[in-house]
């Protein structure tokens, strides 16, 4: 199991192995509060004060996904964004999903810590 710091410092990469086991996913979820395993993906819903803040987060998340070359499914509403990561090429959840989830958490934390947020 990797720490949240190790996940944030790592980068998504092509995988030679398959999906993580359910036990591995459950263990790794322990370092990412708010994320859960649902229908074969790790999922978290982020809440915002309004549409503009939600879309700003989605745009920043899109940049993270682009730089990591690992893209989540998003469900965007007025004051929320549901993020779902899984790795289609391995047919389940991989370490790349956790790397990106940790980076998205860091992005959200920056928003919360920003003056006037």
PDB file of N, CA and C in Angstrom:
ATOM      1  N   UNK A   1       0.843  -1.177   0.000  1.00  0.00           N
ATOM      2  CA  UNK A   1       0.000   0.000   0.000  1.00  0.00           C
ATOM      3  C   UNK A   1       0.893   1.246   0.000  1.00  0.00           C
ATOM      4  N   UNK A   2       0.506   2.220  -0.817  1.00  0.00           N
ATOM      5  CA  UNK A   2       1.247   3.485  -0.884  1.00  0.00           C
ATOM      6  C   UNK A   2       0.598   4.531   0.013  1.00  0.00           C
ATOM      7  N   UNK A   3       1.416   5.440   0.512  1.00  0.00           N
ATOM      8  CA  UNK A   3       0.893   6.562   1.289  1.00  0.00           C
ATOM      9  C   UNK A   3       0.311   7.585   0.321  1.00  0.00           C
ATOM     10  N   UNK A   4      -0.477   8.507   0.853  1.00  0.00           N
ATOM     11  CA  UNK A   4      -1.037   9.557   0.008  1.00  0.00           C
ATOM     12  C   UNK A   4       0.083  10.404  -0.609  1.00  0.00           C
ATOM     13  N   UNK A   5       1.158  10.630   0.135  1.00  0.00           N
ATOM     14  CA  UNK A   5       2.286  11.394  -0.400  1.00  0.00           C
ATOM     15  C   UNK A   5       2.949  10.660  -1.558  1.00  0.00           C
ATOM     16  N   UNK A   6       3.120   9.362  -1.427  1.00  0.00           N
ATOM     17  CA  UNK A   6       3.698   8.572  -2.516  1.00  0.00           C
ATOM     18  C   UNK A   6       2.802   8.598  -3.749  1.00  0.00           C
ATOM     19  N   UNK A   7       1.503   8.539  -3.545  1.00  0.00           N
ATOM     20  CA  UNK A   7       0.569   8.595  -4.668  1.00  0.00           C
ATOM     21  C   UNK A   7       0.657   9.945  -5.377  1.00  0.00           C
ATOM     22  N   UNK A   8       0.704  11.027  -4.604  1.00  0.00           N
ATOM     23  CA  UNK A   8       0.753  12.369  -5.208  1.00  0.00           C
ATOM     24  C   UNK A   8       2.041  12.616  -5.971  1.00  0.00           C
ATOM     25  N   UNK A   9       3.128  12.002  -5.554  1.00  0.00           N
ATOM     26  CA  UNK A   9       4.420  12.181  -6.227  1.00  0.00           C
ATOM     27  C   UNK A   9       4.580  11.279  -7.447  1.00  0.00           C
ATOM     28  N   UNK A  10       3.809  10.219  -7.530  1.00  0.00           N
ATOM     29  CA  UNK A  10       3.920   9.260  -8.637  1.00  0.00           C
ATOM     30  C   UNK A  10       3.204   9.792  -9.873  1.00  0.00           C
ATOM     31  N   UNK A  11       3.411   9.109 -10.986  1.00  0.00           N
ATOM     32  CA  UNK A  11       2.747   9.460 -12.237  1.00  0.00           C
ATOM     33  C   UNK A  11       2.118   8.216 -12.850  1.00  0.00           C
ATOM     34  N   UNK A  12       0.991   8.431 -13.470  1.00  0.00           N
ATOM     35  CA  UNK A  12       0.311   7.361 -14.184  1.00  0.00           C
ATOM     36  C   UNK A  12       1.226   6.844 -15.291  1.00  0.00           C
ATOM     37  N   UNK A  13       1.201   5.523 -15.512  1.00  0.00           N
ATOM     38  CA  UNK A  13       2.067   4.927 -16.530  1.00  0.00           C
ATOM     39  C   UNK A  13       1.384   3.698 -17.124  1.00  0.00           C
ATOM     40  N   UNK A  14       1.808   3.309 -18.310  1.00  0.00           N
ATOM     41  CA  UNK A  14       1.247   2.072 -18.877  1.00  0.00           C
ATOM     42  C   UNK A  14       1.491   0.910 -17.922  1.00  0.00           C
ATOM     43  N   UNK A  15       0.529   0.015 -17.837  1.00  0.00           N
ATOM     44  CA  UNK A  15       0.598  -1.076 -16.875  1.00  0.00           C
ATOM     45  C   UNK A  15       0.874  -2.405 -17.557  1.00  0.00           C
ATOM     46  N   UNK A  16       1.756  -3.170 -16.948  1.00  0.00           N
ATOM     47  CA  UNK A  16       2.057  -4.507 -17.454  1.00  0.00           C
ATOM     48  C   UNK A  16       1.186  -5.564 -16.782  1.00  0.00           C
ATOM     49  N   UNK A  17       0.613  -5.211 -15.634  1.00  0.00           N
ATOM     50  CA  UNK A  17      -0.188  -6.189 -14.892  1.00  0.00           C
ATOM     51  C   UNK A  17      -1.664  -5.810 -14.944  1.00  0.00           C
ATOM     52  N   UNK A  18      -2.487  -6.658 -14.380  1.00  0.00           N
ATOM     53  CA  UNK A  18      -3.925  -6.465 -14.403  1.00  0.00           C
ATOM     54  C   UNK A  18      -4.428  -5.562 -13.293  1.00  0.00           C
ATOM     55  N   UNK A  19      -5.732  -5.633 -13.085  1.00  0.00           N
ATOM     56  CA  UNK A  19      -6.385  -4.825 -12.065  1.00  0.00           C
ATOM     57  C   UNK A  19      -5.956  -5.260 -10.670  1.00  0.00           C
ATOM     58  N   UNK A  20      -6.086  -4.351  -9.729  1.00  0.00           N
ATOM     59  CA  UNK A  20      -5.844  -4.672  -8.329  1.00  0.00           C
ATOM     60  C   UNK A  20      -6.955  -5.596  -7.836  1.00  0.00           C
ATOM     61  N   UNK A  21      -6.636  -6.405  -6.857  1.00  0.00           N
ATOM     62  CA  UNK A  21      -7.647  -7.260  -6.243  1.00  0.00           C
ATOM     63  C   UNK A  21      -8.561  -6.401  -5.367  1.00  0.00           C
ATOM     64  N   UNK A  22      -9.718  -6.939  -5.015  1.00  0.00           N
ATOM     65  CA  UNK A  22     -10.629  -6.213  -4.123  1.00  0.00           C
ATOM     66  C   UNK A  22      -9.942  -5.885  -2.802  1.00  0.00           C
ATOM     67  N   UNK A  23      -9.143  -6.801  -2.289  1.00  0.00           N
ATOM     68  CA  UNK A  23      -8.428  -6.564  -1.025  1.00  0.00           C
ATOM     69  C   UNK A  23      -7.415  -5.433  -1.182  1.00  0.00           C
ATOM     70  N   UNK A  24      -6.712  -5.399  -2.302  1.00  0.00           N
ATOM     71  CA  UNK A  24      -5.743  -4.317  -2.547  1.00  0.00           C
ATOM     72  C   UNK A  24      -6.447  -2.967  -2.681  1.00  0.00           C
ATOM     73  N   UNK A  25      -7.582  -2.953  -3.374  1.00  0.00           N
ATOM     74  CA  UNK A  25      -8.352  -1.718  -3.517  1.00  0.00           C
ATOM     75  C   UNK A  25      -8.840  -1.245  -2.156  1.00  0.00           C
ATOM     76  N   UNK A  26      -9.390  -2.144  -1.363  1.00  0.00           N
ATOM     77  CA  UNK A  26      -9.895  -1.791  -0.035  1.00  0.00           C
ATOM     78  C   UNK A  26      -8.778  -1.237   0.846  1.00  0.00           C
ATOM     79  N   UNK A  27      -7.620  -1.852   0.799  1.00  0.00           N
ATOM     80  CA  UNK A  27      -6.484  -1.372   1.593  1.00  0.00           C
ATOM     81  C   UNK A  27      -6.037   0.012   1.125  1.00  0.00           C
ATOM     82  N   UNK A  28      -5.939   0.213  -0.177  1.00  0.00           N
ATOM     83  CA  UNK A  28      -5.457   1.495  -0.701  1.00  0.00           C
ATOM     84  C   UNK A  28      -6.465   2.613  -0.446  1.00  0.00           C
ATOM     85  N   UNK A  29      -7.744   2.288  -0.423  1.00  0.00           N
ATOM     86  CA  UNK A  29      -8.768   3.294  -0.130  1.00  0.00           C
ATOM     87  C   UNK A  29      -8.602   3.900   1.263  1.00  0.00           C
ATOM     88  N   UNK A  30      -7.931   3.200   2.157  1.00  0.00           N
ATOM     89  CA  UNK A  30      -7.753   3.698   3.523  1.00  0.00           C
ATOM     90  C   UNK A  30      -6.976   5.014   3.572  1.00  0.00           C
ATOM     91  N   UNK A  31      -6.137   5.282   2.570  1.00  0.00           N
ATOM     92  CA  UNK A  31      -5.356   6.521   2.579  1.00  0.00           C
ATOM     93  C   UNK A  31      -6.048   7.650   1.824  1.00  0.00           C
ATOM     94  N   UNK A  32      -7.221   7.371   1.252  1.00  0.00           N
ATOM     95  CA  UNK A  32      -7.957   8.391   0.501  1.00  0.00           C
ATOM     96  C   UNK A  32      -9.383   8.527   1.048  1.00  0.00           C
ATOM     97  N   UNK A  33      -9.542   9.229   2.164  1.00  0.00           N
ATOM     98  CA  UNK A  33     -10.874   9.407   2.745  1.00  0.00           C
ATOM     99  C   UNK A  33     -11.824  10.052   1.734  1.00  0.00           C
ATOM    100  N   UNK A  34     -13.058   9.586   1.745  1.00  0.00           N
ATOM    101  CA  UNK A  34     -14.070  10.134   0.853  1.00  0.00           C
ATOM    102  C   UNK A  34     -14.257   9.335  -0.423  1.00  0.00           C
ATOM    103  N   UNK A  35     -13.274   8.504  -0.771  1.00  0.00           N
ATOM    104  CA  UNK A  35     -13.367   7.671  -1.972  1.00  0.00           C
ATOM    105  C   UNK A  35     -13.938   6.313  -1.580  1.00  0.00           C
ATOM    106  N   UNK A  36     -14.695   5.714  -2.495  1.00  0.00           N
ATOM    107  CA  UNK A  36     -15.236   4.385  -2.258  1.00  0.00           C
ATOM    108  C   UNK A  36     -15.224   3.589  -3.553  1.00  0.00           C
ATOM    109  N   UNK A  37     -15.351   2.291  -3.408  1.00  0.00           N
ATOM    110  CA  UNK A  37     -15.423   1.404  -4.563  1.00  0.00           C
ATOM    111  C   UNK A  37     -16.886   1.197  -4.908  1.00  0.00           C
ATOM    112  N   UNK A  38     -17.264   1.585  -6.131  1.00  0.00           N
ATOM    113  CA  UNK A  38     -18.643   1.437  -6.591  1.00  0.00           C
ATOM    114  C   UNK A  38     -18.640   0.980  -8.041  1.00  0.00           C
ATOM    115  N   UNK A  39     -19.301  -0.128  -8.313  1.00  0.00           N
ATOM    116  CA  UNK A  39     -19.468  -0.629  -9.671  1.00  0.00           C
ATOM    117  C   UNK A  39     -18.145  -0.654 -10.462  1.00  0.00           C
ATOM    118  N   UNK A  40     -17.100  -1.171  -9.839  1.00  0.00           N
ATOM    119  CA  UNK A  40     -15.829  -1.358 -10.526  1.00  0.00           C
ATOM    120  C   UNK A  40     -14.983  -0.126 -10.718  1.00  0.00           C
ATOM    121  N   UNK A  41     -15.255   0.923  -9.942  1.00  0.00           N
ATOM    122  CA  UNK A  41     -14.466   2.162 -10.034  1.00  0.00           C
ATOM    123  C   UNK A  41     -14.344   2.774  -8.647  1.00  0.00           C
ATOM    124  N   UNK A  42     -13.293   3.580  -8.450  1.00  0.00           N
ATOM    125  CA  UNK A  42     -13.224   4.358  -7.219  1.00  0.00           C
ATOM    126  C   UNK A  42     -13.903   5.695  -7.507  1.00  0.00           C
ATOM    127  N   UNK A  43     -14.731   6.121  -6.560  1.00  0.00           N
ATOM    128  CA  UNK A  43     -15.641   7.236  -6.784  1.00  0.00           C
ATOM    129  C   UNK A  43     -15.634   8.184  -5.593  1.00  0.00           C
ATOM    130  N   UNK A  44     -15.720   9.486  -5.907  1.00  0.00           N
ATOM    131  CA  UNK A  44     -15.905  10.491  -4.864  1.00  0.00           C
ATOM    132  C   UNK A  44     -16.708  11.642  -5.450  1.00  0.00           C
ATOM    133  N   UNK A  45     -17.607  12.197  -4.644  1.00  0.00           N
ATOM    134  CA  UNK A  45     -18.357  13.384  -5.041  1.00  0.00           C
ATOM    135  C   UNK A  45     -17.796  14.582  -4.294  1.00  0.00           C
ATOM    136  N   UNK A  46     -17.440  15.610  -5.053  1.00  0.00           N
ATOM    137  CA  UNK A  46     -16.917  16.861  -4.506  1.00  0.00           C
ATOM    138  C   UNK A  46     -18.033  17.901  -4.543  1.00  0.00           C
ATOM    139  N   UNK A  47     -18.145  18.700  -3.480  1.00  0.00           N
ATOM    140  CA  UNK A  47     -19.207  19.708  -3.354  1.00  0.00           C
ATOM    141  C   UNK A  47     -18.616  21.122  -3.455  1.00  0.00           C
ATOM    142  N   UNK A  48     -19.419  22.040  -4.019  1.00  0.00           N
ATOM    143  CA  UNK A  48     -18.979  23.415  -4.251  1.00  0.00           C
ATOM    144  C   UNK A  48     -20.096  24.382  -3.898  1.00  0.00           C
ATOM    145  N   UNK A  49     -19.750  25.667  -3.861  1.00  0.00           N
ATOM    146  CA  UNK A  49     -20.742  26.683  -3.496  1.00  0.00           C
ATOM    147  C   UNK A  49     -21.634  27.078  -4.666  1.00  0.00           C
ATOM    148  N   UNK A  50     -21.246  26.746  -5.875  1.00  0.00           N
ATOM    149  CA  UNK A  50     -22.063  27.095  -7.031  1.00  0.00           C
ATOM    150  C   UNK A  50     -21.451  26.596  -8.321  1.00  0.00           C
ATOM    151  N   UNK A  51     -22.122  26.901  -9.407  1.00  0.00           N
ATOM    152  CA  UNK A  51     -21.745  26.391 -10.724  1.00  0.00           C
ATOM    153  C   UNK A  51     -20.352  26.843 -11.159  1.00  0.00           C
ATOM    154  N   UNK A  52     -20.056  28.120 -10.988  1.00  0.00           N
ATOM    155  CA  UNK A  52     -18.756  28.634 -11.429  1.00  0.00           C
ATOM    156  C   UNK A  52     -17.609  27.906 -10.736  1.00  0.00           C
ATOM    157  N   UNK A  53     -17.733  27.699  -9.443  1.00  0.00           N
ATOM    158  CA  UNK A  53     -16.698  26.989  -8.689  1.00  0.00           C
ATOM    159  C   UNK A  53     -16.592  25.527  -9.144  1.00  0.00           C
ATOM    160  N   UNK A  54     -17.730  24.917  -9.418  1.00  0.00           N
ATOM    161  CA  UNK A  54     -17.733  23.534  -9.898  1.00  0.00           C
ATOM    162  C   UNK A  54     -16.997  23.422 -11.226  1.00  0.00           C
ATOM    163  N   UNK A  55     -17.303  24.300 -12.158  1.00  0.00           N
ATOM    164  CA  UNK A  55     -16.686  24.248 -13.484  1.00  0.00           C
ATOM    165  C   UNK A  55     -15.204  24.583 -13.405  1.00  0.00           C
ATOM    166  N   UNK A  56     -14.804  25.481 -12.534  1.00  0.00           N
ATOM    167  CA  UNK A  56     -13.376  25.774 -12.356  1.00  0.00           C
ATOM    168  C   UNK A  56     -12.635  24.517 -11.897  1.00  0.00           C
ATOM    169  N   UNK A  57     -13.237  23.780 -10.966  1.00  0.00           N
ATOM    170  CA  UNK A  57     -12.640  22.532 -10.495  1.00  0.00           C
ATOM    171  C   UNK A  57     -12.555  21.518 -11.630  1.00  0.00           C
ATOM    172  N   UNK A  58     -13.628  21.384 -12.404  1.00  0.00           N
ATOM    173  CA  UNK A  58     -13.648  20.429 -13.522  1.00  0.00           C
ATOM    174  C   UNK A  58     -12.538  20.773 -14.516  1.00  0.00           C
ATOM    175  N   UNK A  59     -12.362  22.048 -14.820  1.00  0.00           N
ATOM    176  CA  UNK A  59     -11.311  22.445 -15.757  1.00  0.00           C
ATOM    177  C   UNK A  59      -9.917  22.138 -15.210  1.00  0.00           C
ATOM    178  N   UNK A  60      -9.698  22.391 -13.931  1.00  0.00           N
ATOM    179  CA  UNK A  60      -8.403  22.073 -13.322  1.00  0.00           C
ATOM    180  C   UNK A  60      -8.181  20.561 -13.290  1.00  0.00           C
ATOM    181  N   UNK A  61      -9.232  19.811 -12.973  1.00  0.00           N
ATOM    182  CA  UNK A  61      -9.148  18.352 -12.976  1.00  0.00           C
ATOM    183  C   UNK A  61      -8.819  17.844 -14.382  1.00  0.00           C
ATOM    184  N   UNK A  62      -9.398  18.456 -15.401  1.00  0.00           N
ATOM    185  CA  UNK A  62      -9.120  18.052 -16.782  1.00  0.00           C
ATOM    186  C   UNK A  62      -7.633  18.212 -17.105  1.00  0.00           C
ATOM    187  N   UNK A  63      -7.021  19.262 -16.588  1.00  0.00           N
ATOM    188  CA  UNK A  63      -5.588  19.461 -16.817  1.00  0.00           C
ATOM    189  C   UNK A  63      -4.773  18.363 -16.132  1.00  0.00           C
ATOM    190  N   UNK A  64      -5.126  18.022 -14.908  1.00  0.00           N
ATOM    191  CA  UNK A  64      -4.441  16.933 -14.195  1.00  0.00           C
ATOM    192  C   UNK A  64      -4.590  15.633 -14.982  1.00  0.00           C
ATOM    193  N   UNK A  65      -5.798  15.328 -15.424  1.00  0.00           N
ATOM    194  CA  UNK A  65      -6.041  14.101 -16.196  1.00  0.00           C
ATOM    195  C   UNK A  65      -5.235  14.094 -17.487  1.00  0.00           C
ATOM    196  N   UNK A  66      -5.145  15.237 -18.134  1.00  0.00           N
ATOM    197  CA  UNK A  66      -4.374  15.340 -19.373  1.00  0.00           C
ATOM    198  C   UNK A  66      -2.889  15.089 -19.119  1.00  0.00           C
ATOM    199  N   UNK A  67      -2.344  15.708 -18.081  1.00  0.00           N
ATOM    200  CA  UNK A  67      -0.914  15.541 -17.804  1.00  0.00           C
ATOM    201  C   UNK A  67      -0.584  14.121 -17.364  1.00  0.00           C
ATOM    202  N   UNK A  68      -1.531  13.441 -16.719  1.00  0.00           N
ATOM    203  CA  UNK A  68      -1.323  12.060 -16.291  1.00  0.00           C
ATOM    204  C   UNK A  68      -1.728  11.056 -17.368  1.00  0.00           C
ATOM    205  N   UNK A  69      -2.384  11.515 -18.424  1.00  0.00           N
ATOM    206  CA  UNK A  69      -2.910  10.663 -19.483  1.00  0.00           C
ATOM    207  C   UNK A  69      -3.767   9.540 -18.899  1.00  0.00           C
ATOM    208  N   UNK A  70      -4.620   9.941 -17.950  1.00  0.00           N
ATOM    209  CA  UNK A  70      -5.520   8.995 -17.281  1.00  0.00           C
ATOM    210  C   UNK A  70      -6.790   9.765 -16.948  1.00  0.00           C
ATOM    211  N   UNK A  71      -7.885   9.430 -17.604  1.00  0.00           N
ATOM    212  CA  UNK A  71      -9.065  10.282 -17.605  1.00  0.00           C
ATOM    213  C   UNK A  71     -10.242   9.637 -16.886  1.00  0.00           C
ATOM    214  N   UNK A  72     -10.848  10.369 -15.938  1.00  0.00           N
ATOM    215  CA  UNK A  72     -11.991   9.837 -15.205  1.00  0.00           C
ATOM    216  C   UNK A  72     -13.300  10.077 -15.956  1.00  0.00           C
ATOM    217  N   UNK A  73     -14.326   9.403 -15.505  1.00  0.00           N
ATOM    218  CA  UNK A  73     -15.687   9.745 -15.893  1.00  0.00           C
ATOM    219  C   UNK A  73     -16.168  10.781 -14.887  1.00  0.00           C
ATOM    220  N   UNK A  74     -16.847  11.800 -15.375  1.00  0.00           N
ATOM    221  CA  UNK A  74     -17.342  12.872 -14.521  1.00  0.00           C
ATOM    222  C   UNK A  74     -18.845  13.014 -14.682  1.00  0.00           C
ATOM    223  N   UNK A  75     -19.522  13.288 -13.588  1.00  0.00           N
ATOM    224  CA  UNK A  75     -20.928  13.674 -13.605  1.00  0.00           C
ATOM    225  C   UNK A  75     -20.984  15.036 -12.921  1.00  0.00           C
ATOM    226  N   UNK A  76     -21.311  16.060 -13.686  1.00  0.00           N
ATOM    227  CA  UNK A  76     -21.229  17.435 -13.207  1.00  0.00           C
ATOM    228  C   UNK A  76     -22.623  17.999 -13.008  1.00  0.00           C
ATOM    229  N   UNK A  77     -22.832  18.598 -11.850  1.00  0.00           N
ATOM    230  CA  UNK A  77     -24.079  19.289 -11.534  1.00  0.00           C
ATOM    231  C   UNK A  77     -23.774  20.709 -11.095  1.00  0.00           C
ATOM    232  N   UNK A  78     -24.793  21.433 -10.725  1.00  0.00           N
ATOM    233  CA  UNK A  78     -24.641  22.836 -10.343  1.00  0.00           C
ATOM    234  C   UNK A  78     -23.590  23.036  -9.250  1.00  0.00           C
ATOM    235  N   UNK A  79     -23.631  22.212  -8.205  1.00  0.00           N
ATOM    236  CA  UNK A  79     -22.754  22.420  -7.048  1.00  0.00           C
ATOM    237  C   UNK A  79     -21.984  21.157  -6.659  1.00  0.00           C
ATOM    238  N   UNK A  80     -21.769  20.271  -7.640  1.00  0.00           N
ATOM    239  CA  UNK A  80     -21.081  19.017  -7.322  1.00  0.00           C
ATOM    240  C   UNK A  80     -20.461  18.416  -8.577  1.00  0.00           C
ATOM    241  N   UNK A  81     -19.490  17.562  -8.330  1.00  0.00           N
ATOM    242  CA  UNK A  81     -18.856  16.805  -9.411  1.00  0.00           C
ATOM    243  C   UNK A  81     -18.518  15.424  -8.874  1.00  0.00           C
ATOM    244  N   UNK A  82     -19.101  14.404  -9.489  1.00  0.00           N
ATOM    245  CA  UNK A  82     -18.770  13.029  -9.136  1.00  0.00           C
ATOM    246  C   UNK A  82     -17.640  12.583 -10.054  1.00  0.00           C
ATOM    247  N   UNK A  83     -16.570  12.075  -9.457  1.00  0.00           N
ATOM    248  CA  UNK A  83     -15.394  11.624 -10.193  1.00  0.00           C
ATOM    249  C   UNK A  83     -15.294  10.111 -10.034  1.00  0.00           C
ATOM    250  N   UNK A  84     -15.153   9.398 -11.170  1.00  0.00           N
ATOM    251  CA  UNK A  84     -15.045   7.935 -11.168  1.00  0.00           C
ATOM    252  C   UNK A  84     -13.804   7.532 -11.952  1.00  0.00           C
ATOM    253  N   UNK A  85     -12.884   6.886 -11.277  1.00  0.00           N
ATOM    254  CA  UNK A  85     -11.677   6.378 -11.926  1.00  0.00           C
ATOM    255  C   UNK A  85     -11.717   4.861 -11.996  1.00  0.00           C
ATOM    256  N   UNK A  86     -11.442   4.318 -13.155  1.00  0.00           N
ATOM    257  CA  UNK A  86     -11.081   2.917 -13.321  1.00  0.00           C
ATOM    258  C   UNK A  86     -10.199   2.835 -14.562  1.00  0.00           C
ATOM    259  N   UNK A  87      -9.566   1.706 -14.759  1.00  0.00           N
ATOM    260  CA  UNK A  87      -8.624   1.554 -15.859  1.00  0.00           C
ATOM    261  C   UNK A  87      -9.188   0.537 -16.836  1.00  0.00           C
ATOM    262  N   UNK A  88      -9.713   1.028 -17.934  1.00  0.00           N
ATOM    263  CA  UNK A  88     -10.361   0.156 -18.919  1.00  0.00           C
ATOM    264  C   UNK A  88      -9.410  -0.905 -19.453  1.00  0.00           C
ATOM    265  N   UNK A  89      -8.131  -0.538 -19.637  1.00  0.00           N
ATOM    266  CA  UNK A  89      -7.178  -1.482 -20.245  1.00  0.00           C
ATOM    267  C   UNK A  89      -6.897  -2.696 -19.368  1.00  0.00           C
ATOM    268  N   UNK A  90      -7.147  -2.602 -18.058  1.00  0.00           N
ATOM    269  CA  UNK A  90      -6.936  -3.755 -17.176  1.00  0.00           C
ATOM    270  C   UNK A  90      -8.261  -4.315 -16.658  1.00  0.00           C
ATOM    271  N   UNK A  91      -9.354  -3.694 -17.031  1.00  0.00           N
ATOM    272  CA  UNK A  91     -10.664  -4.198 -16.640  1.00  0.00           C
ATOM    273  C   UNK A  91     -10.999  -4.035 -15.177  1.00  0.00           C
ATOM    274  N   UNK A  92     -10.528  -2.973 -14.557  1.00  0.00           N
ATOM    275  CA  UNK A  92     -10.825  -2.736 -13.148  1.00  0.00           C
ATOM    276  C   UNK A  92     -10.072  -1.538 -12.625  1.00  0.00           C
ATOM    277  N   UNK A  93      -9.799  -1.552 -11.339  1.00  0.00           N
ATOM    278  CA  UNK A  93      -9.101  -0.457 -10.672  1.00  0.00           C
ATOM    279  C   UNK A  93      -7.614  -0.770 -10.642  1.00  0.00           C
ATOM    280  N   UNK A  94      -6.799   0.232 -10.981  1.00  0.00           N
ATOM    281  CA  UNK A  94      -5.347   0.071 -10.970  1.00  0.00           C
ATOM    282  C   UNK A  94      -4.709   1.131 -10.077  1.00  0.00           C
ATOM    283  N   UNK A  95      -3.421   1.028  -9.894  1.00  0.00           N
ATOM    284  CA  UNK A  95      -2.683   2.022  -9.114  1.00  0.00           C
ATOM    285  C   UNK A  95      -2.783   3.392  -9.768  1.00  0.00           C
ATOM    286  N   UNK A  96      -2.914   3.448 -11.092  1.00  0.00           N
ATOM    287  CA  UNK A  96      -3.066   4.736 -11.775  1.00  0.00           C
ATOM    288  C   UNK A  96      -4.307   5.479 -11.301  1.00  0.00           C
ATOM    289  N   UNK A  97      -5.359   4.752 -10.987  1.00  0.00           N
ATOM    290  CA  UNK A  97      -6.581   5.378 -10.484  1.00  0.00           C
ATOM    291  C   UNK A  97      -6.329   6.042  -9.137  1.00  0.00           C
ATOM    292  N   UNK A  98      -5.578   5.378  -8.289  1.00  0.00           N
ATOM    293  CA  UNK A  98      -5.266   5.942  -6.973  1.00  0.00           C
ATOM    294  C   UNK A  98      -4.309   7.129  -7.078  1.00  0.00           C
ATOM    295  N   UNK A  99      -3.361   7.058  -7.985  1.00  0.00           N
ATOM    296  CA  UNK A  99      -2.446   8.187  -8.211  1.00  0.00           C
ATOM    297  C   UNK A  99      -3.255   9.422  -8.600  1.00  0.00           C
ATOM    298  N   UNK A 100      -4.148   9.257  -9.548  1.00  0.00           N
ATOM    299  CA  UNK A 100      -4.945  10.395 -10.013  1.00  0.00           C
ATOM    300  C   UNK A 100      -5.935  10.862  -8.955  1.00  0.00           C
ATOM    301  N   UNK A 101      -6.529   9.948  -8.215  1.00  0.00           N
ATOM    302  CA  UNK A 101      -7.448  10.329  -7.147  1.00  0.00           C
ATOM    303  C   UNK A 101      -6.732  11.173  -6.093  1.00  0.00           C
ATOM    304  N   UNK A 102      -5.514  10.798  -5.743  1.00  0.00           N
ATOM    305  CA  UNK A 102      -4.742  11.575  -4.764  1.00  0.00           C
ATOM    306  C   UNK A 102      -4.444  12.973  -5.294  1.00  0.00           C
ATOM    307  N   UNK A 103      -4.159  13.086  -6.575  1.00  0.00           N
ATOM    308  CA  UNK A 103      -3.891  14.395  -7.177  1.00  0.00           C
ATOM    309  C   UNK A 103      -5.159  15.247  -7.225  1.00  0.00           C
ATOM    310  N   UNK A 104      -6.306  14.630  -7.473  1.00  0.00           N
ATOM    311  CA  UNK A 104      -7.575  15.353  -7.468  1.00  0.00           C
ATOM    312  C   UNK A 104      -7.900  15.822  -6.051  1.00  0.00           C
ATOM    313  N   UNK A 105      -7.641  14.991  -5.047  1.00  0.00           N
ATOM    314  CA  UNK A 105      -7.836  15.409  -3.660  1.00  0.00           C
ATOM    315  C   UNK A 105      -6.971  16.622  -3.327  1.00  0.00           C
ATOM    316  N   UNK A 106      -5.730  16.611  -3.777  1.00  0.00           N
ATOM    317  CA  UNK A 106      -4.824  17.747  -3.532  1.00  0.00           C
ATOM    318  C   UNK A 106      -5.348  19.011  -4.210  1.00  0.00           C
ATOM    319  N   UNK A 107      -5.867  18.853  -5.398  1.00  0.00           N
ATOM    320  CA  UNK A 107      -6.462  19.977  -6.120  1.00  0.00           C
ATOM    321  C   UNK A 107      -7.644  20.552  -5.345  1.00  0.00           C
ATOM    322  N   UNK A 108      -8.499  19.696  -4.848  1.00  0.00           N
ATOM    323  CA  UNK A 108      -9.660  20.127  -4.063  1.00  0.00           C
ATOM    324  C   UNK A 108      -9.210  20.805  -2.771  1.00  0.00           C
ATOM    325  N   UNK A 109      -8.196  20.275  -2.123  1.00  0.00           N
ATOM    326  CA  UNK A 109      -7.683  20.856  -0.882  1.00  0.00           C
ATOM    327  C   UNK A 109      -7.123  22.255  -1.129  1.00  0.00           C
ATOM    328  N   UNK A 110      -6.491  22.474  -2.272  1.00  0.00           N
ATOM    329  CA  UNK A 110      -5.981  23.811  -2.603  1.00  0.00           C
ATOM    330  C   UNK A 110      -7.130  24.796  -2.720  1.00  0.00           C
ATOM    331  N   UNK A 111      -8.231  24.359  -3.304  1.00  0.00           N
ATOM    332  CA  UNK A 111      -9.397  25.219  -3.446  1.00  0.00           C
ATOM    333  C   UNK A 111      -9.938  25.604  -2.077  1.00  0.00           C
ATOM    334  N   UNK A 112     -10.016  24.657  -1.190  1.00  0.00           N
ATOM    335  CA  UNK A 112     -10.538  24.912   0.150  1.00  0.00           C
ATOM    336  C   UNK A 112      -9.612  25.849   0.925  1.00  0.00           C
ATOM    337  N   UNK A 113      -8.301  25.719   0.732  1.00  0.00           N
ATOM    338  CA  UNK A 113      -7.325  26.502   1.464  1.00  0.00           C
ATOM    339  C   UNK A 113      -7.119  27.899   0.873  1.00  0.00           C
ATOM    340  N   UNK A 114      -7.612  28.153  -0.340  1.00  0.00           N
ATOM    341  CA  UNK A 114      -7.398  29.435  -0.999  1.00  0.00           C
ATOM    342  C   UNK A 114      -8.150  30.540  -0.276  1.00  0.00           C
ATOM    343  N   UNK A 115      -7.539  31.731  -0.194  1.00  0.00           N
ATOM    344  CA  UNK A 115      -8.225  32.859   0.429  1.00  0.00           C
ATOM    345  C   UNK A 115      -9.534  33.150  -0.291  1.00  0.00           C
ATOM    346  N   UNK A 116     -10.577  33.371   0.481  1.00  0.00           N
ATOM    347  CA  UNK A 116     -11.872  33.697  -0.090  1.00  0.00           C
ATOM    348  C   UNK A 116     -12.659  32.507  -0.572  1.00  0.00           C
ATOM    349  N   UNK A 117     -12.110  31.294  -0.397  1.00  0.00           N
ATOM    350  CA  UNK A 117     -12.818  30.098  -0.887  1.00  0.00           C
ATOM    351  C   UNK A 117     -13.938  29.714   0.032  1.00  0.00           C
TER     352      UNK A 117
END
